[in-house]
Amino acid sequence: MTNTPQESWGFLHPECHGRNALVFFSWDLARTIEQQFKLHAQSSVAIQLYEAQKAVDRLLKQYVQIQANPSAFEDQTIELHLEQDGSDTPVLSLKTSPQLEALILEAQKEAQASGKLN
């Protein structure tokens, strides 16, 4: 079974609410960042980071708009940064508001424990 591009987004999934929304969000977040860096691969790293940040902000707003888990997503932030790790290649880091980060990590642990994540 193949998913259409729209079906593969977590925020479009019928079960994207409550605790489930946090796991879907983490998947969508990774996909969003990856897509933006691929889409803007010919641009400077600064442009790639800027476009990825805009996309992450839109994703967060999307989860607020669909009321996926209001207490988890409203008034939360995710900031993208490039850090040097000693090599020539900068590493992308995410600074997630503490409340959202804690909820996502907890939901991922629960999903792994229940066998829903590999």
N, C-alpha and C. Protein backbone atom coordinates (compact mmCIF):
# COMPACT_ATOMS: atom_id res chain seq x y z
N MET A 1 0.84 -1.18 0.00
CA MET A 1 0.00 0.00 0.00
C MET A 1 0.89 1.24 0.00
N THR A 2 0.61 2.14 -0.90
CA THR A 2 1.40 3.37 -0.96
C THR A 2 0.54 4.53 -0.48
N ASN A 3 1.18 5.41 0.23
CA ASN A 3 0.48 6.61 0.70
C ASN A 3 0.61 7.71 -0.33
N THR A 4 -0.44 8.50 -0.47
CA THR A 4 -0.31 9.71 -1.27
C THR A 4 0.49 10.69 -0.43
N PRO A 5 1.08 11.70 -1.03
CA PRO A 5 1.87 12.64 -0.23
C PRO A 5 1.08 13.25 0.92
N GLN A 6 -0.20 13.53 0.72
CA GLN A 6 -0.99 14.14 1.78
C GLN A 6 -1.23 13.17 2.94
N GLU A 7 -1.45 11.91 2.62
CA GLU A 7 -1.73 10.93 3.67
C GLU A 7 -0.53 10.68 4.57
N SER A 8 0.65 10.95 4.04
CA SER A 8 1.83 10.64 4.83
C SER A 8 2.14 11.72 5.86
N TRP A 9 1.45 12.84 5.84
CA TRP A 9 1.65 13.87 6.86
C TRP A 9 0.86 13.49 8.10
N GLY A 10 1.52 13.54 9.23
CA GLY A 10 0.87 13.17 10.49
C GLY A 10 -0.32 14.03 10.85
N PHE A 11 -0.25 15.35 10.56
CA PHE A 11 -1.35 16.22 10.96
C PHE A 11 -2.62 15.96 10.17
N LEU A 12 -2.54 15.18 9.10
CA LEU A 12 -3.73 14.81 8.34
C LEU A 12 -4.31 13.47 8.79
N HIS A 13 -3.61 12.78 9.64
CA HIS A 13 -4.03 11.46 10.10
C HIS A 13 -5.24 11.60 11.04
N PRO A 14 -6.23 10.73 10.89
CA PRO A 14 -7.43 10.84 11.74
C PRO A 14 -7.16 10.65 13.23
N GLU A 15 -6.06 9.99 13.58
CA GLU A 15 -5.75 9.77 14.99
C GLU A 15 -4.78 10.82 15.55
N CYS A 16 -4.61 11.91 14.83
CA CYS A 16 -3.67 12.96 15.25
C CYS A 16 -4.33 13.88 16.27
N HIS A 17 -4.43 13.38 17.49
CA HIS A 17 -4.97 14.18 18.59
C HIS A 17 -4.43 13.62 19.90
N GLY A 18 -4.45 14.45 20.92
CA GLY A 18 -3.96 14.01 22.22
C GLY A 18 -2.51 13.58 22.18
N ARG A 19 -2.19 12.50 22.88
CA ARG A 19 -0.82 12.00 22.95
C ARG A 19 -0.29 11.60 21.56
N ASN A 20 -1.16 11.02 20.75
CA ASN A 20 -0.75 10.61 19.40
C ASN A 20 -0.20 11.78 18.60
N ALA A 21 -0.76 12.96 18.80
CA ALA A 21 -0.34 14.13 18.03
C ALA A 21 1.14 14.45 18.26
N LEU A 22 1.62 14.17 19.44
CA LEU A 22 3.02 14.45 19.74
C LEU A 22 3.97 13.56 18.93
N VAL A 23 3.60 12.30 18.76
CA VAL A 23 4.42 11.40 17.96
C VAL A 23 4.31 11.79 16.48
N PHE A 24 3.10 12.07 16.01
CA PHE A 24 2.93 12.51 14.62
C PHE A 24 3.73 13.79 14.38
N PHE A 25 3.71 14.69 15.34
CA PHE A 25 4.43 15.95 15.19
C PHE A 25 5.93 15.71 15.04
N SER A 26 6.48 14.81 15.84
CA SER A 26 7.92 14.56 15.74
C SER A 26 8.29 14.01 14.37
N TRP A 27 7.43 13.16 13.81
CA TRP A 27 7.66 12.64 12.45
C TRP A 27 7.58 13.78 11.43
N ASP A 28 6.52 14.58 11.54
CA ASP A 28 6.33 15.69 10.61
C ASP A 28 7.47 16.70 10.72
N LEU A 29 7.95 16.93 11.93
CA LEU A 29 9.03 17.88 12.14
C LEU A 29 10.30 17.42 11.39
N ALA A 30 10.66 16.17 11.56
CA ALA A 30 11.85 15.64 10.88
C ALA A 30 11.67 15.73 9.36
N ARG A 31 10.49 15.38 8.88
CA ARG A 31 10.22 15.40 7.45
C ARG A 31 10.27 16.84 6.91
N THR A 32 9.71 17.76 7.66
CA THR A 32 9.67 19.17 7.24
C THR A 32 11.09 19.72 7.09
N ILE A 33 11.92 19.47 8.08
CA ILE A 33 13.29 19.99 8.04
C ILE A 33 14.05 19.36 6.87
N GLU A 34 13.94 18.06 6.72
CA GLU A 34 14.62 17.36 5.63
C GLU A 34 14.18 17.91 4.28
N GLN A 35 12.87 18.08 4.10
CA GLN A 35 12.34 18.59 2.84
C GLN A 35 12.89 19.97 2.51
N GLN A 36 12.94 20.85 3.50
CA GLN A 36 13.40 22.21 3.25
C GLN A 36 14.87 22.25 2.86
N PHE A 37 15.70 21.44 3.52
CA PHE A 37 17.11 21.43 3.16
C PHE A 37 17.32 20.84 1.77
N LYS A 38 16.51 19.86 1.37
CA LYS A 38 16.60 19.32 0.02
C LYS A 38 16.10 20.33 -1.01
N LEU A 39 14.97 20.96 -0.69
CA LEU A 39 14.35 21.92 -1.60
C LEU A 39 15.28 23.10 -1.87
N HIS A 40 16.02 23.51 -0.87
CA HIS A 40 16.90 24.68 -0.99
C HIS A 40 18.37 24.29 -1.00
N ALA A 41 18.66 23.10 -1.51
CA ALA A 41 20.03 22.57 -1.49
C ALA A 41 21.01 23.47 -2.24
N GLN A 42 20.54 24.19 -3.24
CA GLN A 42 21.44 25.06 -4.02
C GLN A 42 21.64 26.42 -3.37
N SER A 43 20.92 26.69 -2.30
CA SER A 43 21.03 27.97 -1.61
C SER A 43 22.12 27.92 -0.54
N SER A 44 22.43 29.08 0.00
CA SER A 44 23.40 29.12 1.09
C SER A 44 22.82 28.43 2.33
N VAL A 45 23.70 28.06 3.23
CA VAL A 45 23.25 27.42 4.46
C VAL A 45 22.33 28.35 5.25
N ALA A 46 22.61 29.65 5.22
CA ALA A 46 21.77 30.61 5.92
C ALA A 46 20.34 30.61 5.35
N ILE A 47 20.22 30.54 4.03
CA ILE A 47 18.90 30.49 3.39
C ILE A 47 18.21 29.18 3.73
N GLN A 48 18.95 28.09 3.69
CA GLN A 48 18.37 26.79 4.03
C GLN A 48 17.81 26.81 5.45
N LEU A 49 18.58 27.36 6.37
CA LEU A 49 18.15 27.44 7.76
C LEU A 49 16.92 28.33 7.90
N TYR A 50 16.92 29.45 7.22
CA TYR A 50 15.80 30.40 7.25
C TYR A 50 14.52 29.73 6.73
N GLU A 51 14.62 29.06 5.59
CA GLU A 51 13.45 28.40 5.00
C GLU A 51 12.96 27.24 5.87
N ALA A 52 13.88 26.50 6.45
CA ALA A 52 13.50 25.40 7.34
C ALA A 52 12.80 25.95 8.58
N GLN A 53 13.30 27.06 9.12
CA GLN A 53 12.66 27.66 10.29
C GLN A 53 11.25 28.11 9.96
N LYS A 54 11.06 28.74 8.80
CA LYS A 54 9.71 29.16 8.40
C LYS A 54 8.78 27.96 8.30
N ALA A 55 9.27 26.86 7.74
CA ALA A 55 8.45 25.65 7.58
C ALA A 55 8.11 25.03 8.94
N VAL A 56 9.06 25.03 9.86
CA VAL A 56 8.81 24.50 11.21
C VAL A 56 7.76 25.36 11.92
N ASP A 57 7.87 26.67 11.76
CA ASP A 57 6.88 27.57 12.36
C ASP A 57 5.48 27.30 11.79
N ARG A 58 5.40 27.08 10.48
CA ARG A 58 4.11 26.76 9.84
C ARG A 58 3.57 25.44 10.37
N LEU A 59 4.44 24.45 10.53
CA LEU A 59 4.02 23.14 11.03
C LEU A 59 3.45 23.26 12.44
N LEU A 60 4.13 24.00 13.29
CA LEU A 60 3.65 24.20 14.65
C LEU A 60 2.28 24.88 14.65
N LYS A 61 2.12 25.88 13.79
CA LYS A 61 0.82 26.57 13.66
C LYS A 61 -0.26 25.61 13.18
N GLN A 62 0.11 24.71 12.27
CA GLN A 62 -0.84 23.73 11.74
C GLN A 62 -1.38 22.86 12.88
N TYR A 63 -0.50 22.41 13.74
CA TYR A 63 -0.92 21.57 14.88
C TYR A 63 -1.78 22.35 15.86
N VAL A 64 -1.54 23.64 16.00
CA VAL A 64 -2.39 24.48 16.86
C VAL A 64 -3.76 24.64 16.20
N GLN A 65 -3.77 24.93 14.90
CA GLN A 65 -5.03 25.16 14.18
C GLN A 65 -5.96 23.96 14.20
N ILE A 66 -5.41 22.76 14.10
CA ILE A 66 -6.28 21.57 14.08
C ILE A 66 -6.62 21.11 15.49
N GLN A 67 -6.14 21.85 16.49
CA GLN A 67 -6.43 21.51 17.89
C GLN A 67 -5.99 20.09 18.22
N ALA A 68 -4.83 19.70 17.69
CA ALA A 68 -4.33 18.34 17.89
C ALA A 68 -4.10 18.03 19.36
N ASN A 69 -3.54 18.98 20.07
CA ASN A 69 -3.28 18.83 21.51
C ASN A 69 -2.96 20.24 22.01
N PRO A 70 -4.00 21.05 22.24
CA PRO A 70 -3.79 22.47 22.55
C PRO A 70 -2.81 22.72 23.69
N SER A 71 -2.88 21.95 24.75
CA SER A 71 -1.99 22.22 25.88
C SER A 71 -0.53 21.92 25.54
N ALA A 72 -0.30 21.10 24.53
CA ALA A 72 1.07 20.76 24.14
C ALA A 72 1.67 21.75 23.15
N PHE A 73 0.86 22.26 22.21
CA PHE A 73 1.41 23.03 21.10
C PHE A 73 1.23 24.54 21.20
N GLU A 74 0.19 25.00 21.87
CA GLU A 74 -0.04 26.44 21.91
C GLU A 74 1.06 27.15 22.67
N ASP A 75 1.52 28.27 22.10
CA ASP A 75 2.56 29.12 22.70
C ASP A 75 3.90 28.42 22.85
N GLN A 76 4.17 27.39 22.05
CA GLN A 76 5.45 26.69 22.11
C GLN A 76 6.31 27.11 20.92
N THR A 77 7.60 26.89 21.03
CA THR A 77 8.52 27.28 19.96
C THR A 77 9.55 26.20 19.69
N ILE A 78 10.05 26.22 18.46
CA ILE A 78 11.18 25.39 18.07
C ILE A 78 12.09 26.29 17.24
N GLU A 79 13.32 26.46 17.69
CA GLU A 79 14.29 27.29 16.98
C GLU A 79 15.39 26.40 16.42
N LEU A 80 15.69 26.60 15.15
CA LEU A 80 16.75 25.84 14.50
C LEU A 80 18.05 26.63 14.56
N HIS A 81 19.14 25.93 14.83
CA HIS A 81 20.46 26.55 14.89
C HIS A 81 21.47 25.63 14.22
N LEU A 82 22.49 26.24 13.65
CA LEU A 82 23.61 25.46 13.13
C LEU A 82 24.78 25.62 14.10
N GLU A 83 25.34 24.51 14.51
CA GLU A 83 26.46 24.53 15.45
C GLU A 83 27.64 23.81 14.84
N GLN A 84 28.81 24.25 15.20
CA GLN A 84 30.03 23.59 14.75
C GLN A 84 30.35 22.47 15.73
N ASP A 85 30.66 21.30 15.20
CA ASP A 85 30.97 20.16 16.06
C ASP A 85 32.44 19.78 15.98
N GLY A 86 33.24 20.68 15.44
CA GLY A 86 34.66 20.39 15.31
C GLY A 86 35.04 19.96 13.90
N SER A 87 34.07 19.53 13.13
CA SER A 87 34.35 19.17 11.72
C SER A 87 34.01 20.38 10.86
N ASP A 88 34.17 20.23 9.57
CA ASP A 88 33.86 21.33 8.65
C ASP A 88 32.36 21.47 8.42
N THR A 89 31.62 20.45 8.76
CA THR A 89 30.18 20.45 8.48
C THR A 89 29.41 20.90 9.72
N PRO A 90 28.62 21.98 9.59
CA PRO A 90 27.81 22.39 10.74
C PRO A 90 26.71 21.37 11.01
N VAL A 91 26.30 21.28 12.26
CA VAL A 91 25.28 20.33 12.69
C VAL A 91 24.03 21.11 13.06
N LEU A 92 22.89 20.63 12.59
CA LEU A 92 21.63 21.28 12.92
C LEU A 92 21.20 20.90 14.33
N SER A 93 20.86 21.89 15.12
CA SER A 93 20.33 21.61 16.45
C SER A 93 18.98 22.31 16.59
N LEU A 94 18.12 21.71 17.39
CA LEU A 94 16.80 22.26 17.63
C LEU A 94 16.70 22.69 19.08
N LYS A 95 16.26 23.91 19.29
CA LYS A 95 15.99 24.38 20.64
C LYS A 95 14.48 24.43 20.78
N THR A 96 13.95 23.44 21.45
CA THR A 96 12.51 23.29 21.62
C THR A 96 12.12 23.81 22.99
N SER A 97 10.98 24.51 23.06
CA SER A 97 10.55 24.99 24.37
C SER A 97 10.45 23.78 25.31
N PRO A 98 10.89 23.95 26.56
CA PRO A 98 11.01 22.81 27.49
C PRO A 98 9.73 21.98 27.63
N GLN A 99 8.58 22.63 27.70
CA GLN A 99 7.32 21.90 27.87
C GLN A 99 7.05 20.98 26.69
N LEU A 100 7.19 21.51 25.48
CA LEU A 100 6.93 20.71 24.29
C LEU A 100 7.94 19.57 24.16
N GLU A 101 9.20 19.86 24.42
CA GLU A 101 10.22 18.83 24.33
C GLU A 101 9.94 17.66 25.29
N ALA A 102 9.59 18.00 26.52
CA ALA A 102 9.30 16.96 27.51
C ALA A 102 8.11 16.11 27.09
N LEU A 103 7.07 16.74 26.57
CA LEU A 103 5.88 16.00 26.14
C LEU A 103 6.18 15.09 24.96
N ILE A 104 6.97 15.58 24.00
CA ILE A 104 7.32 14.76 22.83
C ILE A 104 8.15 13.55 23.27
N LEU A 105 9.16 13.77 24.11
CA LEU A 105 10.00 12.66 24.56
C LEU A 105 9.18 11.63 25.32
N GLU A 106 8.28 12.09 26.16
CA GLU A 106 7.43 11.17 26.93
C GLU A 106 6.52 10.36 26.00
N ALA A 107 5.93 11.02 25.02
CA ALA A 107 5.04 10.33 24.08
C ALA A 107 5.81 9.32 23.24
N GLN A 108 7.04 9.67 22.84
CA GLN A 108 7.85 8.74 22.06
C GLN A 108 8.21 7.50 22.89
N LYS A 109 8.54 7.70 24.15
CA LYS A 109 8.85 6.57 25.02
C LYS A 109 7.65 5.65 25.17
N GLU A 110 6.47 6.25 25.36
CA GLU A 110 5.24 5.45 25.50
C GLU A 110 4.96 4.67 24.21
N ALA A 111 5.15 5.34 23.06
CA ALA A 111 4.88 4.67 21.79
C ALA A 111 5.86 3.52 21.58
N GLN A 112 7.13 3.72 21.93
CA GLN A 112 8.11 2.64 21.79
C GLN A 112 7.77 1.49 22.72
N ALA A 113 7.38 1.80 23.94
CA ALA A 113 7.05 0.76 24.92
C ALA A 113 5.85 -0.06 24.47
N SER A 114 4.90 0.60 23.78
CA SER A 114 3.71 -0.12 23.35
C SER A 114 3.92 -0.82 22.00
N GLY A 115 5.10 -0.63 21.42
CA GLY A 115 5.41 -1.31 20.16
C GLY A 115 4.92 -0.57 18.93
N LYS A 116 4.47 0.69 19.10
CA LYS A 116 3.99 1.44 17.94
C LYS A 116 5.11 2.06 17.13
N LEU A 117 6.26 2.21 17.74
CA LEU A 117 7.44 2.76 17.02
C LEU A 117 8.51 1.69 17.00
N ASN A 118 9.28 1.69 15.93
CA ASN A 118 10.39 0.75 15.85
C ASN A 118 11.67 1.42 16.31
